[in-house]
PDB file of N, CA and C in Angstrom:
ATOM      1  N   GLN A   1      46.881 -53.619  57.865  1.00  0.00           N
ATOM      2  CA  GLN A   1      45.308 -53.852  58.510  1.00  0.00           C
ATOM      3  C   GLN A   1      44.134 -53.232  57.390  1.00  0.00           C
ATOM      4  N   VAL A   2      43.011 -53.960  57.033  1.00  0.00           N
ATOM      5  CA  VAL A   2      42.167 -53.877  56.044  1.00  0.00           C
ATOM      6  C   VAL A   2      41.050 -53.687  56.900  1.00  0.00           C
ATOM      7  N   GLN A   3      40.486 -52.525  56.507  1.00  0.00           N
ATOM      8  CA  GLN A   3      39.280 -52.536  57.114  1.00  0.00           C
ATOM      9  C   GLN A   3      37.647 -52.749  55.892  1.00  0.00           C
ATOM     10  N   LEU A   4      36.652 -53.284  56.251  1.00  0.00           N
ATOM     11  CA  LEU A   4      35.688 -54.217  55.345  1.00  0.00           C
ATOM     12  C   LEU A   4      34.218 -53.136  56.459  1.00  0.00           C
ATOM     13  N   VAL A   5      33.576 -52.292  55.202  1.00  0.00           N
ATOM     14  CA  VAL A   5      32.594 -52.312  55.053  1.00  0.00           C
ATOM     15  C   VAL A   5      31.013 -52.560  54.537  1.00  0.00           C
ATOM     16  N   GLU A   6      30.185 -53.287  55.295  1.00  0.00           N
ATOM     17  CA  GLU A   6      29.294 -54.213  54.375  1.00  0.00           C
ATOM     18  C   GLU A   6      27.496 -52.872  54.222  1.00  0.00           C
ATOM     19  N   SER A   7      27.279 -53.123  53.167  1.00  0.00           N
ATOM     20  CA  SER A   7      26.095 -52.510  53.484  1.00  0.00           C
ATOM     21  C   SER A   7      24.947 -53.174  52.611  1.00  0.00           C
ATOM     22  N   GLY A   8      23.403 -52.842  52.267  1.00  0.00           N
ATOM     23  CA  GLY A   8      22.862 -53.141  51.839  1.00  0.00           C
ATOM     24  C   GLY A   8      21.593 -54.234  52.578  1.00  0.00           C
ATOM     25  N   GLY A   9      21.854 -54.647  53.369  1.00  0.00           N
ATOM     26  CA  GLY A   9      20.931 -55.417  54.306  1.00  0.00           C
ATOM     27  C   GLY A   9      19.771 -54.947  54.405  1.00  0.00           C
ATOM     28  N   GLY A  10      18.444 -55.731  55.131  1.00  0.00           N
ATOM     29  CA  GLY A  10      17.516 -54.817  55.260  1.00  0.00           C
ATOM     30  C   GLY A  10      16.434 -56.058  55.035  1.00  0.00           C
ATOM     31  N   LEU A  11      15.233 -55.838  55.531  1.00  0.00           N
ATOM     32  CA  LEU A  11      14.245 -56.991  55.560  1.00  0.00           C
ATOM     33  C   LEU A  11      13.056 -56.816  53.568  1.00  0.00           C
ATOM     34  N   VAL A  12      12.597 -58.083  53.330  1.00  0.00           N
ATOM     35  CA  VAL A  12      12.227 -58.259  52.358  1.00  0.00           C
ATOM     36  C   VAL A  12      11.931 -59.553  52.181  1.00  0.00           C
ATOM     37  N   GLN A  13      10.617 -59.179  51.412  1.00  0.00           N
ATOM     38  CA  GLN A  13       9.475 -60.897  51.586  1.00  0.00           C
ATOM     39  C   GLN A  13      10.182 -61.740  51.061  1.00  0.00           C
ATOM     40  N   ALA A  14       9.846 -62.917  51.057  1.00  0.00           N
ATOM     41  CA  ALA A  14      10.102 -63.704  50.225  1.00  0.00           C
ATOM     42  C   ALA A  14       9.538 -63.928  48.627  1.00  0.00           C
ATOM     43  N   GLY A  15      10.966 -64.202  47.948  1.00  0.00           N
ATOM     44  CA  GLY A  15      11.145 -64.279  46.579  1.00  0.00           C
ATOM     45  C   GLY A  15      11.732 -62.674  46.026  1.00  0.00           C
ATOM     46  N   GLY A  16      12.149 -62.213  46.945  1.00  0.00           N
ATOM     47  CA  GLY A  16      12.416 -60.590  47.029  1.00  0.00           C
ATOM     48  C   GLY A  16      13.826 -60.747  46.171  1.00  0.00           C
ATOM     49  N   SER A  17      14.463 -59.702  46.172  1.00  0.00           N
ATOM     50  CA  SER A  17      15.919 -59.985  46.078  1.00  0.00           C
ATOM     51  C   SER A  17      16.643 -58.407  46.873  1.00  0.00           C
ATOM     52  N   LEU A  18      17.820 -58.730  47.021  1.00  0.00           N
ATOM     53  CA  LEU A  18      18.492 -57.470  48.137  1.00  0.00           C
ATOM     54  C   LEU A  18      20.280 -57.717  47.432  1.00  0.00           C
ATOM     55  N   ARG A  19      20.856 -56.410  47.527  1.00  0.00           N
ATOM     56  CA  ARG A  19      22.200 -56.635  47.338  1.00  0.00           C
ATOM     57  C   ARG A  19      22.856 -55.868  48.008  1.00  0.00           C
ATOM     58  N   LEU A  20      24.284 -56.642  48.894  1.00  0.00           N
ATOM     59  CA  LEU A  20      24.605 -56.474  49.578  1.00  0.00           C
ATOM     60  C   LEU A  20      26.530 -56.286  48.796  1.00  0.00           C
ATOM     61  N   SER A  21      27.044 -54.633  49.344  1.00  0.00           N
ATOM     62  CA  SER A  21      28.150 -54.553  48.936  1.00  0.00           C
ATOM     63  C   SER A  21      29.001 -54.654  50.029  1.00  0.00           C
ATOM     64  N   CYS A  22      30.470 -54.741  49.958  1.00  0.00           N
ATOM     65  CA  CYS A  22      31.795 -54.384  50.724  1.00  0.00           C
ATOM     66  C   CYS A  22      32.339 -53.926  50.588  1.00  0.00           C
ATOM     67  N   ALA A  23      32.967 -52.660  50.813  1.00  0.00           N
ATOM     68  CA  ALA A  23      33.963 -52.200  50.950  1.00  0.00           C
ATOM     69  C   ALA A  23      35.121 -52.335  51.391  1.00  0.00           C
ATOM     70  N   ALA A  24      36.234 -52.139  50.747  1.00  0.00           N
ATOM     71  CA  ALA A  24      37.081 -52.885  51.786  1.00  0.00           C
ATOM     72  C   ALA A  24      38.595 -51.449  51.651  1.00  0.00           C
ATOM     73  N   SER A  25      38.947 -51.205  52.259  1.00  0.00           N
ATOM     74  CA  SER A  25      40.147 -49.969  52.566  1.00  0.00           C
ATOM     75  C   SER A  25      41.398 -50.530  53.063  1.00  0.00           C
ATOM     76  N   GLY A  26      42.468 -49.724  53.417  1.00  0.00           N
ATOM     77  CA  GLY A  26      43.644 -49.996  54.174  1.00  0.00           C
ATOM     78  C   GLY A  26      44.701 -50.937  53.119  1.00  0.00           C
ATOM     79  N   ARG A  27      44.979 -51.925  53.551  1.00  0.00           N
ATOM     80  CA  ARG A  27      46.210 -52.559  52.826  1.00  0.00           C
ATOM     81  C   ARG A  27      45.925 -53.707  52.248  1.00  0.00           C
ATOM     82  N   THR A  28      44.747 -53.090  50.857  1.00  0.00           N
ATOM     83  CA  THR A  28      44.372 -54.410  50.273  1.00  0.00           C
ATOM     84  C   THR A  28      45.026 -54.881  49.136  1.00  0.00           C
ATOM     85  N   PHE A  29      46.657 -54.598  48.797  1.00  0.00           N
ATOM     86  CA  PHE A  29      47.074 -55.011  47.639  1.00  0.00           C
ATOM     87  C   PHE A  29      47.380 -56.357  48.209  1.00  0.00           C
ATOM     88  N   ARG A  30      46.938 -56.855  49.602  1.00  0.00           N
ATOM     89  CA  ARG A  30      47.554 -58.361  49.522  1.00  0.00           C
ATOM     90  C   ARG A  30      46.257 -59.296  49.311  1.00  0.00           C
ATOM     91  N   THR A  31      45.676 -59.186  48.987  1.00  0.00           N
ATOM     92  CA  THR A  31      44.272 -59.686  49.010  1.00  0.00           C
ATOM     93  C   THR A  31      43.866 -60.803  47.765  1.00  0.00           C
ATOM     94  N   TYR A  32      43.958 -61.882  47.988  1.00  0.00           N
ATOM     95  CA  TYR A  32      43.960 -63.375  47.077  1.00  0.00           C
ATOM     96  C   TYR A  32      42.645 -63.606  46.982  1.00  0.00           C
ATOM     97  N   ALA A  33      41.611 -63.551  48.104  1.00  0.00           N
ATOM     98  CA  ALA A  33      40.421 -63.907  47.544  1.00  0.00           C
ATOM     99  C   ALA A  33      39.263 -63.047  48.782  1.00  0.00           C
ATOM    100  N   MET A  34      37.860 -62.669  48.138  1.00  0.00           N
ATOM    101  CA  MET A  34      37.171 -62.127  49.609  1.00  0.00           C
ATOM    102  C   MET A  34      35.921 -63.171  49.339  1.00  0.00           C
ATOM    103  N   GLY A  35      35.124 -63.504  50.288  1.00  0.00           N
ATOM    104  CA  GLY A  35      33.739 -64.019  50.723  1.00  0.00           C
ATOM    105  C   GLY A  35      33.036 -63.129  51.364  1.00  0.00           C
ATOM    106  N   TRP A  36      31.722 -64.002  51.586  1.00  0.00           N
ATOM    107  CA  TRP A  36      30.293 -63.804  52.309  1.00  0.00           C
ATOM    108  C   TRP A  36      29.874 -64.939  52.596  1.00  0.00           C
ATOM    109  N   SER A  37      30.070 -64.737  54.382  1.00  0.00           N
ATOM    110  CA  SER A  37      29.742 -66.099  54.743  1.00  0.00           C
ATOM    111  C   SER A  37      28.635 -65.053  55.788  1.00  0.00           C
ATOM    112  N   ARG A  38      27.099 -66.035  56.370  1.00  0.00           N
ATOM    113  CA  ARG A  38      26.332 -65.568  57.177  1.00  0.00           C
ATOM    114  C   ARG A  38      25.992 -66.241  58.461  1.00  0.00           C
ATOM    115  N   GLN A  39      25.404 -65.866  59.517  1.00  0.00           N
ATOM    116  CA  GLN A  39      24.813 -66.961  60.648  1.00  0.00           C
ATOM    117  C   GLN A  39      24.092 -66.101  61.212  1.00  0.00           C
ATOM    118  N   ALA A  40      23.173 -67.838  60.984  1.00  0.00           N
ATOM    119  CA  ALA A  40      21.918 -67.154  61.503  1.00  0.00           C
ATOM    120  C   ALA A  40      21.775 -67.305  63.083  1.00  0.00           C
ATOM    121  N   PRO A  41      20.931 -67.334  63.770  1.00  0.00           N
ATOM    122  CA  PRO A  41      20.486 -67.045  64.998  1.00  0.00           C
ATOM    123  C   PRO A  41      21.029 -68.847  65.744  1.00  0.00           C
ATOM    124  N   GLY A  42      21.926 -69.413  66.440  1.00  0.00           N
ATOM    125  CA  GLY A  42      21.991 -70.381  67.047  1.00  0.00           C
ATOM    126  C   GLY A  42      22.355 -71.176  66.182  1.00  0.00           C
ATOM    127  N   LYS A  43      22.669 -71.229  64.804  1.00  0.00           N
ATOM    128  CA  LYS A  43      23.896 -71.462  63.767  1.00  0.00           C
ATOM    129  C   LYS A  43      25.344 -70.884  63.612  1.00  0.00           C
ATOM    130  N   GLU A  44      25.483 -72.015  63.309  1.00  0.00           N
ATOM    131  CA  GLU A  44      27.439 -71.319  62.800  1.00  0.00           C
ATOM    132  C   GLU A  44      27.054 -70.960  61.749  1.00  0.00           C
ATOM    133  N   ARG A  45      28.357 -69.910  62.185  1.00  0.00           N
ATOM    134  CA  ARG A  45      29.214 -69.197  60.871  1.00  0.00           C
ATOM    135  C   ARG A  45      29.263 -69.917  59.101  1.00  0.00           C
ATOM    136  N   GLU A  46      28.185 -69.969  58.196  1.00  0.00           N
ATOM    137  CA  GLU A  46      28.648 -70.648  57.134  1.00  0.00           C
ATOM    138  C   GLU A  46      29.014 -69.868  55.932  1.00  0.00           C
ATOM    139  N   LEU A  47      30.054 -70.465  55.178  1.00  0.00           N
ATOM    140  CA  LEU A  47      30.576 -69.580  54.148  1.00  0.00           C
ATOM    141  C   LEU A  47      29.188 -69.708  52.715  1.00  0.00           C
ATOM    142  N   VAL A  48      29.046 -68.637  52.238  1.00  0.00           N
ATOM    143  CA  VAL A  48      28.058 -69.057  51.015  1.00  0.00           C
ATOM    144  C   VAL A  48      28.366 -68.191  50.107  1.00  0.00           C
ATOM    145  N   ALA A  49      29.340 -67.652  49.439  1.00  0.00           N
ATOM    146  CA  ALA A  49      30.175 -67.606  48.289  1.00  0.00           C
ATOM    147  C   ALA A  49      31.709 -66.425  48.312  1.00  0.00           C
ATOM    148  N   ASN A  50      32.517 -67.233  47.242  1.00  0.00           N
ATOM    149  CA  ASN A  50      33.541 -66.678  47.236  1.00  0.00           C
ATOM    150  C   ASN A  50      34.183 -66.236  46.144  1.00  0.00           C
ATOM    151  N   ILE A  51      35.334 -65.572  45.759  1.00  0.00           N
ATOM    152  CA  ILE A  51      35.340 -64.940  44.695  1.00  0.00           C
ATOM    153  C   ILE A  51      37.346 -64.347  44.512  1.00  0.00           C
ATOM    154  N   LEU A  52      37.948 -65.369  43.996  1.00  0.00           N
ATOM    155  CA  LEU A  52      39.188 -65.271  43.746  1.00  0.00           C
ATOM    156  C   LEU A  52      39.743 -63.533  43.328  1.00  0.00           C
ATOM    157  N   TRP A  53      40.292 -62.732  43.763  1.00  0.00           N
ATOM    158  CA  TRP A  53      40.902 -61.154  43.545  1.00  0.00           C
ATOM    159  C   TRP A  53      40.815 -60.979  41.998  1.00  0.00           C
ATOM    160  N   ASN A  54      41.869 -62.143  41.617  1.00  0.00           N
ATOM    161  CA  ASN A  54      42.516 -61.671  40.108  1.00  0.00           C
ATOM    162  C   ASN A  54      41.963 -62.302  39.255  1.00  0.00           C
ATOM    163  N   SER A  55      41.708 -64.200  39.609  1.00  0.00           N
ATOM    164  CA  SER A  55      41.085 -64.512  38.317  1.00  0.00           C
ATOM    165  C   SER A  55      40.368 -66.013  38.936  1.00  0.00           C
ATOM    166  N   GLY A  56      40.042 -66.705  38.181  1.00  0.00           N
ATOM    167  CA  GLY A  56      39.110 -67.823  38.988  1.00  0.00           C
ATOM    168  C   GLY A  56      37.786 -67.821  38.992  1.00  0.00           C
ATOM    169  N   SER A  57      36.939 -68.954  39.237  1.00  0.00           N
ATOM    170  CA  SER A  57      35.760 -69.048  39.218  1.00  0.00           C
ATOM    171  C   SER A  57      35.333 -68.987  40.665  1.00  0.00           C
ATOM    172  N   PRO A  58      34.118 -68.336  41.208  1.00  0.00           N
ATOM    173  CA  PRO A  58      33.493 -68.107  42.215  1.00  0.00           C
ATOM    174  C   PRO A  58      33.460 -69.247  42.342  1.00  0.00           C
ATOM    175  N   TYR A  59      32.532 -69.742  44.214  1.00  0.00           N
ATOM    176  CA  TYR A  59      32.541 -70.456  44.638  1.00  0.00           C
ATOM    177  C   TYR A  59      30.718 -70.174  45.255  1.00  0.00           C
ATOM    178  N   TYR A  60      30.197 -71.280  45.507  1.00  0.00           N
ATOM    179  CA  TYR A  60      28.612 -70.899  46.077  1.00  0.00           C
ATOM    180  C   TYR A  60      28.652 -72.116  46.689  1.00  0.00           C
ATOM    181  N   SER A  61      28.391 -71.531  47.613  1.00  0.00           N
ATOM    182  CA  SER A  61      27.494 -73.184  48.571  1.00  0.00           C
ATOM    183  C   SER A  61      26.367 -74.219  48.114  1.00  0.00           C
ATOM    184  N   ASP A  62      25.852 -75.048  48.290  1.00  0.00           N
ATOM    185  CA  ASP A  62      24.566 -75.463  47.915  1.00  0.00           C
ATOM    186  C   ASP A  62      23.221 -74.641  48.323  1.00  0.00           C
ATOM    187  N   SER A  63      23.246 -74.110  49.217  1.00  0.00           N
ATOM    188  CA  SER A  63      22.035 -73.198  50.266  1.00  0.00           C
ATOM    189  C   SER A  63      21.980 -72.043  48.749  1.00  0.00           C
ATOM    190  N   VAL A  64      22.918 -71.680  48.080  1.00  0.00           N
ATOM    191  CA  VAL A  64      22.721 -70.322  47.613  1.00  0.00           C
ATOM    192  C   VAL A  64      22.993 -70.335  46.219  1.00  0.00           C
ATOM    193  N   LYS A  65      23.321 -71.359  45.274  1.00  0.00           N
ATOM    194  CA  LYS A  65      23.959 -71.626  44.509  1.00  0.00           C
ATOM    195  C   LYS A  65      22.935 -71.573  43.149  1.00  0.00           C
ATOM    196  N   GLY A  66      23.123 -70.456  42.214  1.00  0.00           N
ATOM    197  CA  GLY A  66      21.937 -70.279  41.099  1.00  0.00           C
ATOM    198  C   GLY A  66      21.358 -69.030  41.630  1.00  0.00           C
ATOM    199  N   ARG A  67      21.422 -68.925  42.599  1.00  0.00           N
ATOM    200  CA  ARG A  67      20.516 -67.334  43.485  1.00  0.00           C
ATOM    201  C   ARG A  67      21.222 -65.947  43.950  1.00  0.00           C
ATOM    202  N   PHE A  68      22.581 -66.538  44.289  1.00  0.00           N
ATOM    203  CA  PHE A  68      23.656 -65.618  44.424  1.00  0.00           C
ATOM    204  C   PHE A  68      24.896 -65.347  44.150  1.00  0.00           C
ATOM    205  N   PRO A  69      24.747 -64.736  43.064  1.00  0.00           N
ATOM    206  CA  PRO A  69      25.778 -64.493  42.358  1.00  0.00           C
ATOM    207  C   PRO A  69      26.939 -62.991  42.882  1.00  0.00           C
ATOM    208  N   ILE A  70      28.280 -63.634  42.668  1.00  0.00           N
ATOM    209  CA  ILE A  70      28.665 -62.928  43.643  1.00  0.00           C
ATOM    210  C   ILE A  70      29.931 -62.056  42.478  1.00  0.00           C
ATOM    211  N   SER A  71      30.455 -60.937  42.824  1.00  0.00           N
ATOM    212  CA  SER A  71      31.252 -60.063  41.998  1.00  0.00           C
ATOM    213  C   SER A  71      31.843 -59.148  42.623  1.00  0.00           C
ATOM    214  N   ARG A  72      32.980 -58.908  41.946  1.00  0.00           N
ATOM    215  CA  ARG A  72      34.180 -57.918  42.865  1.00  0.00           C
ATOM    216  C   ARG A  72      34.520 -56.578  41.565  1.00  0.00           C
ATOM    217  N   ASP A  73      34.449 -55.398  41.870  1.00  0.00           N
ATOM    218  CA  ASP A  73      35.621 -54.471  41.525  1.00  0.00           C
ATOM    219  C   ASP A  73      36.735 -54.148  41.994  1.00  0.00           C
ATOM    220  N   ASN A  74      37.632 -54.587  41.225  1.00  0.00           N
ATOM    221  CA  ASN A  74      39.181 -54.151  41.546  1.00  0.00           C
ATOM    222  C   ASN A  74      39.305 -53.296  41.734  1.00  0.00           C
ATOM    223  N   ALA A  75      38.669 -52.140  41.052  1.00  0.00           N
ATOM    224  CA  ALA A  75      39.397 -50.901  40.595  1.00  0.00           C
ATOM    225  C   ALA A  75      38.851 -49.692  41.833  1.00  0.00           C
ATOM    226  N   LYS A  76      37.896 -50.488  42.432  1.00  0.00           N
ATOM    227  CA  LYS A  76      36.667 -50.119  43.382  1.00  0.00           C
ATOM    228  C   LYS A  76      37.184 -50.626  45.074  1.00  0.00           C
ATOM    229  N   ASN A  77      37.839 -51.783  44.599  1.00  0.00           N
ATOM    230  CA  ASN A  77      38.200 -52.450  45.922  1.00  0.00           C
ATOM    231  C   ASN A  77      36.846 -52.906  46.733  1.00  0.00           C
ATOM    232  N   THR A  78      36.093 -53.654  45.902  1.00  0.00           N
ATOM    233  CA  THR A  78      34.489 -53.583  46.365  1.00  0.00           C
ATOM    234  C   THR A  78      34.467 -55.121  45.884  1.00  0.00           C
ATOM    235  N   VAL A  79      33.542 -55.889  46.928  1.00  0.00           N
ATOM    236  CA  VAL A  79      32.850 -56.926  46.551  1.00  0.00           C
ATOM    237  C   VAL A  79      31.271 -57.124  46.701  1.00  0.00           C
ATOM    238  N   SER A  80      30.212 -57.506  45.858  1.00  0.00           N
ATOM    239  CA  SER A  80      28.790 -57.389  45.982  1.00  0.00           C
ATOM    240  C   SER A  80      28.132 -58.723  45.792  1.00  0.00           C
ATOM    241  N   LEU A  81      27.100 -59.274  46.234  1.00  0.00           N
ATOM    242  CA  LEU A  81      26.177 -60.660  46.776  1.00  0.00           C
ATOM    243  C   LEU A  81      25.153 -59.938  45.845  1.00  0.00           C
ATOM    244  N   GLN A  82      24.632 -60.327  45.184  1.00  0.00           N
ATOM    245  CA  GLN A  82      23.217 -60.099  44.375  1.00  0.00           C
ATOM    246  C   GLN A  82      22.171 -61.163  45.071  1.00  0.00           C
ATOM    247  N   MET A  83      21.691 -61.075  45.979  1.00  0.00           N
ATOM    248  CA  MET A  83      20.406 -62.267  46.007  1.00  0.00           C
ATOM    249  C   MET A  83      19.237 -61.825  45.778  1.00  0.00           C
ATOM    250  N   ASN A  84      19.218 -63.305  45.031  1.00  0.00           N
ATOM    251  CA  ASN A  84      17.509 -62.902  44.434  1.00  0.00           C
ATOM    252  C   ASN A  84      16.733 -64.841  44.693  1.00  0.00           C
ATOM    253  N   SER A  85      15.259 -64.543  44.594  1.00  0.00           N
ATOM    254  CA  SER A  85      14.608 -65.449  45.095  1.00  0.00           C
ATOM    255  C   SER A  85      15.128 -65.846  46.617  1.00  0.00           C
ATOM    256  N   LEU A  86      14.905 -64.527  47.245  1.00  0.00           N
ATOM    257  CA  LEU A  86      14.996 -64.871  48.950  1.00  0.00           C
ATOM    258  C   LEU A  86      14.485 -65.766  49.390  1.00  0.00           C
ATOM    259  N   LYS A  87      14.762 -66.366  50.442  1.00  0.00           N
ATOM    260  CA  LYS A  87      13.766 -67.253  51.171  1.00  0.00           C
ATOM    261  C   LYS A  87      13.574 -66.845  52.829  1.00  0.00           C
ATOM    262  N   PRO A  88      13.287 -67.244  53.601  1.00  0.00           N
ATOM    263  CA  PRO A  88      12.938 -67.499  54.344  1.00  0.00           C
ATOM    264  C   PRO A  88      14.379 -67.784  55.596  1.00  0.00           C
ATOM    265  N   GLU A  89      14.534 -68.605  55.134  1.00  0.00           N
ATOM    266  CA  GLU A  89      15.890 -69.638  55.605  1.00  0.00           C
ATOM    267  C   GLU A  89      17.573 -68.976  55.353  1.00  0.00           C
ATOM    268  N   ASP A  90      16.983 -67.651  54.693  1.00  0.00           N
ATOM    269  CA  ASP A  90      18.285 -66.960  54.179  1.00  0.00           C
ATOM    270  C   ASP A  90      18.116 -65.823  55.221  1.00  0.00           C
ATOM    271  N   THR A  91      17.440 -65.798  56.497  1.00  0.00           N
ATOM    272  CA  THR A  91      17.752 -64.726  57.008  1.00  0.00           C
ATOM    273  C   THR A  91      18.788 -65.048  58.390  1.00  0.00           C
ATOM    274  N   ALA A  92      19.812 -64.204  58.504  1.00  0.00           N
ATOM    275  CA  ALA A  92      21.212 -64.111  58.842  1.00  0.00           C
ATOM    276  C   ALA A  92      21.725 -62.602  59.235  1.00  0.00           C
ATOM    277  N   VAL A  93      23.092 -62.771  60.207  1.00  0.00           N
ATOM    278  CA  VAL A  93      23.822 -62.023  59.924  1.00  0.00           C
ATOM    279  C   VAL A  93      24.419 -62.043  58.802  1.00  0.00           C
ATOM    280  N   TYR A  94      25.127 -61.215  57.223  1.00  0.00           N
ATOM    281  CA  TYR A  94      26.111 -61.604  56.462  1.00  0.00           C
ATOM    282  C   TYR A  94      27.277 -60.787  57.081  1.00  0.00           C
ATOM    283  N   TYR A  95      28.392 -61.670  56.757  1.00  0.00           N
ATOM    284  CA  TYR A  95      29.631 -60.792  57.125  1.00  0.00           C
ATOM    285  C   TYR A  95      30.583 -60.815  55.759  1.00  0.00           C
ATOM    286  N   CYS A  96      31.085 -59.939  54.840  1.00  0.00           N
ATOM    287  CA  CYS A  96      32.226 -59.947  54.255  1.00  0.00           C
ATOM    288  C   CYS A  96      33.244 -59.936  54.898  1.00  0.00           C
ATOM    289  N   ALA A  97      34.365 -60.772  54.305  1.00  0.00           N
ATOM    290  CA  ALA A  97      35.927 -61.448  54.397  1.00  0.00           C
ATOM    291  C   ALA A  97      36.658 -61.306  53.119  1.00  0.00           C
ATOM    292  N   GLU A  98      37.970 -60.882  54.166  1.00  0.00           N
ATOM    293  CA  GLU A  98      38.974 -60.585  52.817  1.00  0.00           C
ATOM    294  C   GLU A  98      40.078 -61.658  53.230  1.00  0.00           C
ATOM    295  N   SER A  99      40.684 -62.393  52.745  1.00  0.00           N
ATOM    296  CA  SER A  99      41.784 -63.021  52.800  1.00  0.00           C
ATOM    297  C   SER A  99      43.104 -62.860  52.188  1.00  0.00           C
ATOM    298  N   ASP A 100      44.561 -62.885  53.067  1.00  0.00           N
ATOM    299  CA  ASP A 100      45.639 -62.534  52.502  1.00  0.00           C
ATOM    300  C   ASP A 100      46.554 -63.985  52.106  1.00  0.00           C
ATOM    301  N   LEU A 101      45.812 -64.821  52.352  1.00  0.00           N
ATOM    302  CA  LEU A 101      46.250 -66.495  52.032  1.00  0.00           C
ATOM    303  C   LEU A 101      46.478 -66.802  50.699  1.00  0.00           C
ATOM    304  N   TYR A 102      48.085 -66.985  49.801  1.00  0.00           N
ATOM    305  CA  TYR A 102      48.156 -67.705  48.979  1.00  0.00           C
ATOM    306  C   TYR A 102      47.476 -68.685  48.977  1.00  0.00           C
ATOM    307  N   ASN A 103      46.927 -68.902  47.488  1.00  0.00           N
ATOM    308  CA  ASN A 103      46.804 -70.493  46.884  1.00  0.00           C
ATOM    309  C   ASN A 103      46.190 -71.639  48.411  1.00  0.00           C
ATOM    310  N   GLY A 104      45.048 -70.472  48.910  1.00  0.00           N
ATOM    311  CA  GLY A 104      44.394 -71.195  50.303  1.00  0.00           C
ATOM    312  C   GLY A 104      42.648 -72.014  48.821  1.00  0.00           C
ATOM    313  N   THR A 105      42.120 -72.547  50.024  1.00  0.00           N
ATOM    314  CA  THR A 105      41.204 -73.037  49.089  1.00  0.00           C
ATOM    315  C   THR A 105      39.934 -71.807  49.430  1.00  0.00           C
ATOM    316  N   TYR A 106      40.059 -71.210  50.491  1.00  0.00           N
ATOM    317  CA  TYR A 106      38.775 -70.072  50.892  1.00  0.00           C
ATOM    318  C   TYR A 106      37.708 -70.543  51.022  1.00  0.00           C
ATOM    319  N   LEU A 107      37.608 -71.931  51.411  1.00  0.00           N
ATOM    320  CA  LEU A 107      36.078 -72.255  52.245  1.00  0.00           C
ATOM    321  C   LEU A 107      36.310 -72.497  53.287  1.00  0.00           C
ATOM    322  N   TRP A 108      37.206 -72.250  53.941  1.00  0.00           N
ATOM    323  CA  TRP A 108      36.535 -71.797  55.650  1.00  0.00           C
ATOM    324  C   TRP A 108      37.052 -70.534  56.501  1.00  0.00           C
ATOM    325  N   GLN A 109      36.314 -70.529  57.654  1.00  0.00           N
ATOM    326  CA  GLN A 109      36.693 -69.179  58.274  1.00  0.00           C
ATOM    327  C   GLN A 109      37.942 -69.241  58.388  1.00  0.00           C
ATOM    328  N   TYR A 110      38.679 -69.689  58.817  1.00  0.00           N
ATOM    329  CA  TYR A 110      40.253 -69.451  59.343  1.00  0.00           C
ATOM    330  C   TYR A 110      41.285 -69.200  58.091  1.00  0.00           C
ATOM    331  N   GLU A 111      40.753 -69.213  57.076  1.00  0.00           N
ATOM    332  CA  GLU A 111      41.059 -68.861  55.663  1.00  0.00           C
ATOM    333  C   GLU A 111      41.231 -67.737  55.802  1.00  0.00           C
ATOM    334  N   TYR A 112      40.530 -66.516  56.273  1.00  0.00           N
ATOM    335  CA  TYR A 112      40.176 -64.940  56.197  1.00  0.00           C
ATOM    336  C   TYR A 112      40.615 -64.044  57.626  1.00  0.00           C
ATOM    337  N   ASP A 113      41.327 -63.133  56.882  1.00  0.00           N
ATOM    338  CA  ASP A 113      42.142 -62.911  57.889  1.00  0.00           C
ATOM    339  C   ASP A 113      41.225 -61.053  59.015  1.00  0.00           C
ATOM    340  N   TYR A 114      40.421 -60.499  57.858  1.00  0.00           N
ATOM    341  CA  TYR A 114      39.815 -59.677  57.811  1.00  0.00           C
ATOM    342  C   TYR A 114      37.943 -59.929  57.880  1.00  0.00           C
ATOM    343  N   TRP A 115      37.341 -59.460  58.692  1.00  0.00           N
ATOM    344  CA  TRP A 115      35.696 -59.345  58.916  1.00  0.00           C
ATOM    345  C   TRP A 115      35.102 -57.680  59.032  1.00  0.00           C
ATOM    346  N   GLY A 116      34.110 -57.799  58.294  1.00  0.00           N
ATOM    347  CA  GLY A 116      33.438 -56.408  58.965  1.00  0.00           C
ATOM    348  C   GLY A 116      32.187 -56.733  59.516  1.00  0.00           C
ATOM    349  N   GLN A 117      31.691 -55.418  59.894  1.00  0.00           N
ATOM    350  CA  GLN A 117      30.859 -55.737  60.806  1.00  0.00           C
ATOM    351  C   GLN A 117      29.502 -56.415  60.783  1.00  0.00           C
ATOM    352  N   GLY A 118      29.428 -57.063  59.583  1.00  0.00           N
ATOM    353  CA  GLY A 118      27.987 -57.829  59.430  1.00  0.00           C
ATOM    354  C   GLY A 118      26.753 -56.397  59.078  1.00  0.00           C
ATOM    355  N   THR A 119      26.193 -57.231  57.830  1.00  0.00           N
ATOM    356  CA  THR A 119      24.450 -56.401  58.443  1.00  0.00           C
ATOM    357  C   THR A 119      23.663 -57.449  57.847  1.00  0.00           C
ATOM    358  N   GLN A 120      22.190 -57.147  58.757  1.00  0.00           N
ATOM    359  CA  GLN A 120      21.116 -58.263  58.834  1.00  0.00           C
ATOM    360  C   GLN A 120      20.355 -58.030  57.921  1.00  0.00           C
ATOM    361  N   VAL A 121      19.956 -59.474  57.350  1.00  0.00           N
ATOM    362  CA  VAL A 121      18.980 -59.909  56.419  1.00  0.00           C
ATOM    363  C   VAL A 121      17.898 -60.565  56.726  1.00  0.00           C
ATOM    364  N   ALA A 122      16.872 -60.202  56.912  1.00  0.00           N
ATOM    365  CA  ALA A 122      15.750 -60.505  57.352  1.00  0.00           C
ATOM    366  C   ALA A 122      14.290 -60.765  56.169  1.00  0.00           C
ATOM    367  N   VAL A 123      13.968 -62.347  56.103  1.00  0.00           N
ATOM    368  CA  VAL A 123      13.204 -62.493  54.907  1.00  0.00           C
ATOM    369  C   VAL A 123      11.794 -63.127  55.581  1.00  0.00           C
ATOM    370  N   SER A 124      10.788 -62.200  55.229  1.00  0.00           N
ATOM    371  CA  SER A 124       9.674 -62.823  55.557  1.00  0.00           C
ATOM    372  C   SER A 124       8.817 -63.292  55.035  1.00  0.00           C
ATOM    373  N   SER A 125       8.022 -63.909  55.409  1.00  0.00           N
ATOM    374  CA  SER A 125       7.585 -65.596  54.548  1.00  0.00           C
ATOM    375  C   SER A 125       5.749 -65.048  53.831  1.00  0.00           C
TER     376      SER A 125
END
């Protein structure tokens, strides 16, 4: 089992920044990738960024590319999402996820095995 706890959400004005963090605990030695997804009211959950646990380039959806760098700290078992130049359309609940899948694409929700409880991000115009 892996436990994921997100933090850092909140209310911010458009153009502002927030930093989300996710702390993983438990059986983290099998982690191959971590990701951040978001779900806005009435919309499907979408993956916005992922990062491989050991190497490789991060993935970003077109909606956040260039604004939301993802980073990891393997020693602390944490993954972070720095959200810059926030827009009202970024308003959503953001979820951290962990994948035990070897050699996956990590682009699909079903490839992730564990999820955090979510943290609300609200961007006012």
